[in-house]
Amino acid sequence: MMIDLHAHVLPGLDDGAADEAAALALCRLAVADGIGTLVATPHLYGGVGVADPQVIPVAAEHLRERLAEEGIGLDLRWAAEVPLLENAVELYRSGLWPAYDERRRYLLLEMPAIASGLPILKETIFRLRLEGAVPILAHPERLDFLDDSSAVEGLRSQGALLQITAACLLAPGSRSYRRAADWIDRGWVQMVASDAHDPSRRPPRLAAARRWLADRVGEAGAAKLTEGNPRKILLGEPL
């Protein structure tokens, strides 16, 4: 079963599932898509984000109870997607940034698509790495300033990991597709996730992306990006 490290499934917390019915429908689709473990990663802070991180585990536990009641066999975990903020490092130090793992090694970091983003991103990665954290970059294929492959190499050399969104691999011809496909061919991508938001508008499409990956890098490579590496992330193990 696949492990999806990025989904906005907790009802009413951000721009993802609007209510409990949508959340349950999204979870059913995830199971049908071959996903065994789903990590809820609501936006934390920012314009559409949760203001109080303490509501995330409460919402996740409630959804777990509803999944059990509905007989939906999905292992639901939780973390958070945090935008690049001036106080990002302080958030990590304070424990307010929910990580993927108990060791608090792996964090999901979202970079806004601004032209001046690269130096800000590099500085934040540098400071987080000094703290012992490993930032996972959410949907970096959307960032125009990463058209330069040397910029991507620089981020990787700093220790950042790349998490590509499944849907972009199903849209040939888009700039996001071209970036993602190139990085996958180079072996620069560590995981592919759904970034699912809604059962109708943005459903999980991880199974289709995995088939694309299998054609591109073989079955073993596809399994590594959708199962092996995500499992290590949740365990806090090095990749």
C-alpha atoms as a PDB file:
ATOM      1  CA  MET A   1       0.000   0.000   0.000  1.00  0.00           C
ATOM      2  CA  MET A   2       1.186   3.506  -0.796  1.00  0.00           C
ATOM      3  CA  ILE A   3       1.909   6.210   1.764  1.00  0.00           C
ATOM      4  CA  ASP A   4       0.624   9.685   0.970  1.00  0.00           C
ATOM      5  CA  LEU A   5       2.564  12.344   2.870  1.00  0.00           C
ATOM      6  CA  HIS A   6       0.540  15.379   1.816  1.00  0.00           C
ATOM      7  CA  ALA A   7      -3.236  15.805   1.991  1.00  0.00           C
ATOM      8  CA  HIS A   8      -5.635  18.489   3.202  1.00  0.00           C
ATOM      9  CA  VAL A   9      -8.248  16.149   4.597  1.00  0.00           C
ATOM     10  CA  LEU A  10      -9.064  17.475   8.074  1.00  0.00           C
ATOM     11  CA  PRO A  11     -12.509  19.058   7.697  1.00  0.00           C
ATOM     12  CA  GLY A  12     -12.878  22.808   7.881  1.00  0.00           C
ATOM     13  CA  LEU A  13      -9.319  23.634   8.892  1.00  0.00           C
ATOM     14  CA  ASP A  14      -7.976  25.155   5.677  1.00  0.00           C
ATOM     15  CA  ASP A  15      -8.710  25.163   1.931  1.00  0.00           C
ATOM     16  CA  GLY A  16      -9.070  21.375   1.892  1.00  0.00           C
ATOM     17  CA  ALA A  17     -12.064  19.230   2.822  1.00  0.00           C
ATOM     18  CA  ALA A  18     -14.876  21.627   3.670  1.00  0.00           C
ATOM     19  CA  ASP A  19     -16.729  19.367   6.083  1.00  0.00           C
ATOM     20  CA  GLU A  20     -16.812  15.875   7.541  1.00  0.00           C
ATOM     21  CA  ALA A  21     -18.705  14.412   4.589  1.00  0.00           C
ATOM     22  CA  ALA A  22     -16.047  15.685   2.174  1.00  0.00           C
ATOM     23  CA  ALA A  23     -13.274  14.404   4.435  1.00  0.00           C
ATOM     24  CA  LEU A  24     -14.763  10.915   4.582  1.00  0.00           C
ATOM     25  CA  ALA A  25     -15.308  10.898   0.815  1.00  0.00           C
ATOM     26  CA  LEU A  26     -11.682  11.932   0.303  1.00  0.00           C
ATOM     27  CA  CYS A  27     -10.513   9.116   2.578  1.00  0.00           C
ATOM     28  CA  ARG A  28     -12.620   6.574   0.695  1.00  0.00           C
ATOM     29  CA  LEU A  29     -11.053   7.735  -2.558  1.00  0.00           C
ATOM     30  CA  ALA A  30      -7.591   7.438  -1.011  1.00  0.00           C
ATOM     31  CA  VAL A  31      -8.219   3.814  -0.059  1.00  0.00           C
ATOM     32  CA  ALA A  32      -9.604   3.073  -3.526  1.00  0.00           C
ATOM     33  CA  ASP A  33      -6.459   4.688  -4.966  1.00  0.00           C
ATOM     34  CA  GLY A  34      -4.232   2.210  -3.149  1.00  0.00           C
ATOM     35  CA  ILE A  35      -3.204   4.457  -0.260  1.00  0.00           C
ATOM     36  CA  GLY A  36      -2.822   2.686   3.076  1.00  0.00           C
ATOM     37  CA  THR A  37      -1.425   5.553   5.134  1.00  0.00           C
ATOM     38  CA  LEU A  38      -2.509   9.158   4.672  1.00  0.00           C
ATOM     39  CA  VAL A  39      -0.862  12.094   6.433  1.00  0.00           C
ATOM     40  CA  ALA A  40      -3.120  15.071   7.025  1.00  0.00           C
ATOM     41  CA  THR A  41      -1.020  18.188   6.473  1.00  0.00           C
ATOM     42  CA  PRO A  42      -3.231  21.240   7.004  1.00  0.00           C
ATOM     43  CA  HIS A  43      -1.780  24.636   6.253  1.00  0.00           C
ATOM     44  CA  LEU A  44      -0.447  26.161   9.450  1.00  0.00           C
ATOM     45  CA  TYR A  45      -0.508  29.953   9.655  1.00  0.00           C
ATOM     46  CA  GLY A  46      -0.649  32.078   6.512  1.00  0.00           C
ATOM     47  CA  GLY A  47      -3.794  33.276   4.767  1.00  0.00           C
ATOM     48  CA  VAL A  48      -5.646  29.940   4.644  1.00  0.00           C
ATOM     49  CA  GLY A  49      -3.881  28.214   7.503  1.00  0.00           C
ATOM     50  CA  VAL A  50      -4.756  27.029  10.969  1.00  0.00           C
ATOM     51  CA  ALA A  51      -3.933  29.654  13.582  1.00  0.00           C
ATOM     52  CA  ASP A  52      -3.505  27.215  16.498  1.00  0.00           C
ATOM     53  CA  PRO A  53      -1.493  24.016  15.877  1.00  0.00           C
ATOM     54  CA  GLN A  54      -3.148  22.356  18.878  1.00  0.00           C
ATOM     55  CA  VAL A  55      -6.381  21.918  16.919  1.00  0.00           C
ATOM     56  CA  ILE A  56      -4.662  19.620  14.403  1.00  0.00           C
ATOM     57  CA  PRO A  57      -4.252  16.481  16.569  1.00  0.00           C
ATOM     58  CA  VAL A  58      -7.766  16.968  17.964  1.00  0.00           C
ATOM     59  CA  ALA A  59      -9.249  17.119  14.459  1.00  0.00           C
ATOM     60  CA  ALA A  60      -7.140  14.153  13.348  1.00  0.00           C
ATOM     61  CA  GLU A  61      -8.277  11.994  16.269  1.00  0.00           C
ATOM     62  CA  HIS A  62     -11.917  12.838  15.590  1.00  0.00           C
ATOM     63  CA  LEU A  63     -11.527  11.888  11.919  1.00  0.00           C
ATOM     64  CA  ARG A  64      -9.824   8.631  12.950  1.00  0.00           C
ATOM     65  CA  GLU A  65     -12.863   7.794  15.072  1.00  0.00           C
ATOM     66  CA  ARG A  66     -15.193   8.511  12.172  1.00  0.00           C
ATOM     67  CA  LEU A  67     -13.067   6.375   9.836  1.00  0.00           C
ATOM     68  CA  ALA A  68     -13.381   3.472  12.277  1.00  0.00           C
ATOM     69  CA  GLU A  69     -17.139   3.985  12.557  1.00  0.00           C
ATOM     70  CA  GLU A  70     -17.484   4.020   8.768  1.00  0.00           C
ATOM     71  CA  GLY A  71     -15.239   0.984   8.291  1.00  0.00           C
ATOM     72  CA  ILE A  72     -12.720   2.921   6.182  1.00  0.00           C
ATOM     73  CA  GLY A  73      -9.402   1.101   6.509  1.00  0.00           C
ATOM     74  CA  LEU A  74      -7.017   4.031   6.362  1.00  0.00           C
ATOM     75  CA  ASP A  75      -4.104   4.726   8.695  1.00  0.00           C
ATOM     76  CA  LEU A  76      -4.457   8.471   9.315  1.00  0.00           C
ATOM     77  CA  ARG A  77      -1.452  10.439  10.578  1.00  0.00           C
ATOM     78  CA  TRP A  78      -0.930  14.192  10.901  1.00  0.00           C
ATOM     79  CA  ALA A  79       1.725  16.858  10.448  1.00  0.00           C
ATOM     80  CA  ALA A  80       1.425  20.365   8.942  1.00  0.00           C
ATOM     81  CA  GLU A  81       2.398  22.343   5.865  1.00  0.00           C
ATOM     82  CA  VAL A  82       4.072  25.549   6.995  1.00  0.00           C
ATOM     83  CA  PRO A  83       4.758  28.488   4.682  1.00  0.00           C
ATOM     84  CA  LEU A  84       8.168  30.074   4.631  1.00  0.00           C
ATOM     85  CA  LEU A  85       7.919  32.598   7.463  1.00  0.00           C
ATOM     86  CA  GLU A  86      10.481  34.924   9.011  1.00  0.00           C
ATOM     87  CA  ASN A  87      10.154  33.039  12.298  1.00  0.00           C
ATOM     88  CA  ALA A  88      10.152  29.540  10.778  1.00  0.00           C
ATOM     89  CA  VAL A  89      13.201  28.428  12.751  1.00  0.00           C
ATOM     90  CA  GLU A  90      11.753  29.802  15.973  1.00  0.00           C
ATOM     91  CA  LEU A  91       8.535  27.845  15.294  1.00  0.00           C
ATOM     92  CA  TYR A  92      10.587  24.680  15.015  1.00  0.00           C
ATOM     93  CA  ARG A  93      12.547  25.396  18.188  1.00  0.00           C
ATOM     94  CA  SER A  94       9.354  26.070  20.122  1.00  0.00           C
ATOM     95  CA  GLY A  95       7.803  22.768  19.071  1.00  0.00           C
ATOM     96  CA  LEU A  96       4.884  24.513  17.347  1.00  0.00           C
ATOM     97  CA  TRP A  97       5.763  23.104  13.917  1.00  0.00           C
ATOM     98  CA  PRO A  98       4.220  19.610  13.705  1.00  0.00           C
ATOM     99  CA  ALA A  99       6.738  17.253  12.132  1.00  0.00           C
ATOM    100  CA  TYR A 100       6.231  13.999  10.260  1.00  0.00           C
ATOM    101  CA  ASP A 101       8.034  11.907  12.852  1.00  0.00           C
ATOM    102  CA  GLU A 102       8.401  11.664  16.609  1.00  0.00           C
ATOM    103  CA  ARG A 103      12.057  12.668  16.414  1.00  0.00           C
ATOM    104  CA  ARG A 104      10.961  15.893  14.724  1.00  0.00           C
ATOM    105  CA  ARG A 105      13.493  15.373  11.965  1.00  0.00           C
ATOM    106  CA  TYR A 106      11.281  15.931   8.904  1.00  0.00           C
ATOM    107  CA  LEU A 107       9.216  19.084   8.245  1.00  0.00           C
ATOM    108  CA  LEU A 108       6.936  20.035   5.343  1.00  0.00           C
ATOM    109  CA  LEU A 109       7.850  23.505   4.079  1.00  0.00           C
ATOM    110  CA  GLU A 110       5.883  25.482   1.487  1.00  0.00           C
ATOM    111  CA  MET A 111       7.656  28.161  -0.513  1.00  0.00           C
ATOM    112  CA  PRO A 112       5.567  30.972  -2.047  1.00  0.00           C
ATOM    113  CA  ALA A 113       6.120  31.503  -5.758  1.00  0.00           C
ATOM    114  CA  ILE A 114       7.913  34.830  -5.533  1.00  0.00           C
ATOM    115  CA  ALA A 115      10.797  35.896  -7.746  1.00  0.00           C
ATOM    116  CA  SER A 116      13.071  36.654  -4.794  1.00  0.00           C
ATOM    117  CA  GLY A 117      12.317  33.322  -3.151  1.00  0.00           C
ATOM    118  CA  LEU A 118      15.577  31.453  -3.715  1.00  0.00           C
ATOM    119  CA  PRO A 119      17.876  33.352  -1.307  1.00  0.00           C
ATOM    120  CA  ILE A 120      15.164  33.367   1.371  1.00  0.00           C
ATOM    121  CA  LEU A 121      14.614  29.640   0.923  1.00  0.00           C
ATOM    122  CA  LYS A 122      18.340  28.889   1.060  1.00  0.00           C
ATOM    123  CA  GLU A 123      18.778  30.858   4.268  1.00  0.00           C
ATOM    124  CA  THR A 124      15.822  29.120   5.932  1.00  0.00           C
ATOM    125  CA  ILE A 125      17.049  25.668   4.908  1.00  0.00           C
ATOM    126  CA  PHE A 126      20.513  26.512   6.243  1.00  0.00           C
ATOM    127  CA  ARG A 127      19.121  27.557   9.619  1.00  0.00           C
ATOM    128  CA  LEU A 128      16.770  24.587   9.905  1.00  0.00           C
ATOM    129  CA  ARG A 129      19.584  22.185   9.112  1.00  0.00           C
ATOM    130  CA  LEU A 130      21.664  23.755  11.899  1.00  0.00           C
ATOM    131  CA  GLU A 131      18.797  22.826  14.229  1.00  0.00           C
ATOM    132  CA  GLY A 132      18.897  19.218  13.020  1.00  0.00           C
ATOM    133  CA  ALA A 133      15.703  19.440  10.957  1.00  0.00           C
ATOM    134  CA  VAL A 134      15.316  18.245   7.361  1.00  0.00           C
ATOM    135  CA  PRO A 135      12.923  20.430   5.353  1.00  0.00           C
ATOM    136  CA  ILE A 136      10.807  18.669   2.742  1.00  0.00           C
ATOM    137  CA  LEU A 137       9.859  21.136   0.008  1.00  0.00           C
ATOM    138  CA  ALA A 138       6.171  20.902  -0.891  1.00  0.00           C
ATOM    139  CA  HIS A 139       5.423  21.010  -4.649  1.00  0.00           C
ATOM    140  CA  PRO A 140       8.737  22.704  -5.651  1.00  0.00           C
ATOM    141  CA  GLU A 141       7.872  22.001  -9.307  1.00  0.00           C
ATOM    142  CA  ARG A 142       5.541  25.009  -9.169  1.00  0.00           C
ATOM    143  CA  LEU A 143       8.393  27.467  -8.547  1.00  0.00           C
ATOM    144  CA  ASP A 144       9.616  29.340 -11.613  1.00  0.00           C
ATOM    145  CA  PHE A 145      12.882  30.274  -9.924  1.00  0.00           C
ATOM    146  CA  LEU A 146      13.796  26.566  -9.891  1.00  0.00           C
ATOM    147  CA  ASP A 147      13.977  26.407 -13.688  1.00  0.00           C
ATOM    148  CA  ASP A 148      17.736  26.694 -13.142  1.00  0.00           C
ATOM    149  CA  SER A 149      18.926  23.187 -12.343  1.00  0.00           C
ATOM    150  CA  SER A 150      21.902  24.584 -10.439  1.00  0.00           C
ATOM    151  CA  ALA A 151      19.476  26.208  -7.998  1.00  0.00           C
ATOM    152  CA  VAL A 152      17.850  22.826  -7.341  1.00  0.00           C
ATOM    153  CA  GLU A 153      21.259  21.206  -6.922  1.00  0.00           C
ATOM    154  CA  GLY A 154      22.130  23.885  -4.389  1.00  0.00           C
ATOM    155  CA  LEU A 155      19.029  23.209  -2.304  1.00  0.00           C
ATOM    156  CA  ARG A 156      19.679  19.490  -2.411  1.00  0.00           C
ATOM    157  CA  SER A 157      23.290  19.979  -1.362  1.00  0.00           C
ATOM    158  CA  GLN A 158      22.001  21.868   1.666  1.00  0.00           C
ATOM    159  CA  GLY A 159      19.990  18.806   2.652  1.00  0.00           C
ATOM    160  CA  ALA A 160      16.483  19.751   1.507  1.00  0.00           C
ATOM    161  CA  LEU A 161      14.251  17.015   0.072  1.00  0.00           C
ATOM    162  CA  LEU A 162      11.874  17.329  -2.876  1.00  0.00           C
ATOM    163  CA  GLN A 163       8.224  16.231  -2.636  1.00  0.00           C
ATOM    164  CA  ILE A 164       6.534  16.303  -6.042  1.00  0.00           C
ATOM    165  CA  THR A 165       2.751  16.484  -6.439  1.00  0.00           C
ATOM    166  CA  ALA A 166       1.221  13.497  -8.215  1.00  0.00           C
ATOM    167  CA  ALA A 167      -1.150  15.517 -10.419  1.00  0.00           C
ATOM    168  CA  CYS A 168       1.669  17.406 -12.124  1.00  0.00           C
ATOM    169  CA  LEU A 169       2.977  14.138 -13.569  1.00  0.00           C
ATOM    170  CA  LEU A 170      -0.372  13.670 -15.295  1.00  0.00           C
ATOM    171  CA  ALA A 171      -0.279  17.024 -17.085  1.00  0.00           C
ATOM    172  CA  PRO A 172       2.321  16.707 -19.880  1.00  0.00           C
ATOM    173  CA  GLY A 173       3.293  19.999 -21.424  1.00  0.00           C
ATOM    174  CA  SER A 174       2.954  22.067 -18.264  1.00  0.00           C
ATOM    175  CA  ARG A 175       5.990  23.790 -16.806  1.00  0.00           C
ATOM    176  CA  SER A 176       5.479  21.887 -13.553  1.00  0.00           C
ATOM    177  CA  TYR A 177       5.515  18.607 -15.462  1.00  0.00           C
ATOM    178  CA  ARG A 178       8.721  19.484 -17.284  1.00  0.00           C
ATOM    179  CA  ARG A 179      10.505  20.390 -14.065  1.00  0.00           C
ATOM    180  CA  ALA A 180       9.244  17.348 -12.155  1.00  0.00           C
ATOM    181  CA  ALA A 181      10.026  14.892 -14.959  1.00  0.00           C
ATOM    182  CA  ASP A 182      13.539  16.291 -15.340  1.00  0.00           C
ATOM    183  CA  TRP A 183      14.234  16.055 -11.610  1.00  0.00           C
ATOM    184  CA  ILE A 184      12.877  12.507 -11.444  1.00  0.00           C
ATOM    185  CA  ASP A 185      15.070  11.495 -14.388  1.00  0.00           C
ATOM    186  CA  ARG A 186      18.068  12.959 -12.530  1.00  0.00           C
ATOM    187  CA  GLY A 187      17.188  11.082  -9.332  1.00  0.00           C
ATOM    188  CA  TRP A 188      16.623  14.292  -7.389  1.00  0.00           C
ATOM    189  CA  VAL A 189      13.098  13.574  -6.101  1.00  0.00           C
ATOM    190  CA  GLN A 190      12.597  11.736  -2.799  1.00  0.00           C
ATOM    191  CA  MET A 191       8.806  11.320  -2.772  1.00  0.00           C
ATOM    192  CA  VAL A 192       5.586  11.869  -4.686  1.00  0.00           C
ATOM    193  CA  ALA A 193       2.419  12.820  -2.765  1.00  0.00           C
ATOM    194  CA  SER A 194      -1.150  13.690  -3.695  1.00  0.00           C
ATOM    195  CA  ASP A 195      -1.705  17.130  -2.121  1.00  0.00           C
ATOM    196  CA  ALA A 196      -5.383  16.138  -2.253  1.00  0.00           C
ATOM    197  CA  HIS A 197      -7.840  18.831  -1.180  1.00  0.00           C
ATOM    198  CA  ASP A 198     -11.321  17.794  -2.258  1.00  0.00           C
ATOM    199  CA  PRO A 199     -13.040  14.597  -3.481  1.00  0.00           C
ATOM    200  CA  SER A 200     -14.198  16.225  -6.713  1.00  0.00           C
ATOM    201  CA  ARG A 201     -11.879  19.134  -7.520  1.00  0.00           C
ATOM    202  CA  ARG A 202      -8.530  17.803  -6.250  1.00  0.00           C
ATOM    203  CA  PRO A 203      -8.816  14.087  -5.439  1.00  0.00           C
ATOM    204  CA  PRO A 204      -5.848  11.824  -4.724  1.00  0.00           C
ATOM    205  CA  ARG A 205      -4.279  10.641  -7.972  1.00  0.00           C
ATOM    206  CA  LEU A 206      -1.337   8.773  -6.564  1.00  0.00           C
ATOM    207  CA  ALA A 207      -2.067   5.465  -8.311  1.00  0.00           C
ATOM    208  CA  ALA A 208      -1.941   7.079 -11.754  1.00  0.00           C
ATOM    209  CA  ALA A 209       1.249   8.916 -10.814  1.00  0.00           C
ATOM    210  CA  ARG A 210       2.784   5.659  -9.624  1.00  0.00           C
ATOM    211  CA  ARG A 211       2.040   4.054 -12.989  1.00  0.00           C
ATOM    212  CA  TRP A 212       3.775   7.009 -14.652  1.00  0.00           C
ATOM    213  CA  LEU A 213       6.730   6.538 -12.331  1.00  0.00           C
ATOM    214  CA  ALA A 214       6.916   2.816 -13.051  1.00  0.00           C
ATOM    215  CA  ASP A 215       7.092   3.528 -16.779  1.00  0.00           C
ATOM    216  CA  ARG A 216       9.752   6.184 -16.197  1.00  0.00           C
ATOM    217  CA  VAL A 217      12.008   4.735 -13.492  1.00  0.00           C
ATOM    218  CA  GLY A 218      10.806   1.149 -13.073  1.00  0.00           C
ATOM    219  CA  GLU A 219       8.698  -0.560 -10.431  1.00  0.00           C
ATOM    220  CA  ALA A 220      11.417  -0.391  -7.786  1.00  0.00           C
ATOM    221  CA  GLY A 221      11.867   3.339  -8.319  1.00  0.00           C
ATOM    222  CA  ALA A 222       8.124   3.944  -8.189  1.00  0.00           C
ATOM    223  CA  ALA A 223       7.838   1.962  -4.942  1.00  0.00           C
ATOM    224  CA  LYS A 224      10.703   3.934  -3.405  1.00  0.00           C
ATOM    225  CA  LEU A 225       9.004   7.278  -4.116  1.00  0.00           C
ATOM    226  CA  THR A 226       5.524   6.255  -2.946  1.00  0.00           C
ATOM    227  CA  GLU A 227       6.280   3.712  -0.215  1.00  0.00           C
ATOM    228  CA  GLY A 228       9.891   3.241   0.840  1.00  0.00           C
ATOM    229  CA  ASN A 229      11.027   6.815   1.338  1.00  0.00           C
ATOM    230  CA  PRO A 230       7.692   7.969   2.830  1.00  0.00           C
ATOM    231  CA  ARG A 231       7.884   5.120   5.356  1.00  0.00           C
ATOM    232  CA  LYS A 232      11.371   6.213   6.397  1.00  0.00           C
ATOM    233  CA  ILE A 233      10.130   9.786   6.749  1.00  0.00           C
ATOM    234  CA  LEU A 234       7.389   8.717   9.164  1.00  0.00           C
ATOM    235  CA  LEU A 235       9.900   6.678  11.164  1.00  0.00           C
ATOM    236  CA  GLY A 236      12.397   9.546  11.257  1.00  0.00           C
ATOM    237  CA  GLU A 237      15.032   7.452   9.518  1.00  0.00           C
ATOM    238  CA  PRO A 238      17.664   8.842   7.136  1.00  0.00           C
ATOM    239  CA  LEU A 239      17.029   8.340   3.432  1.00  0.00           C
END
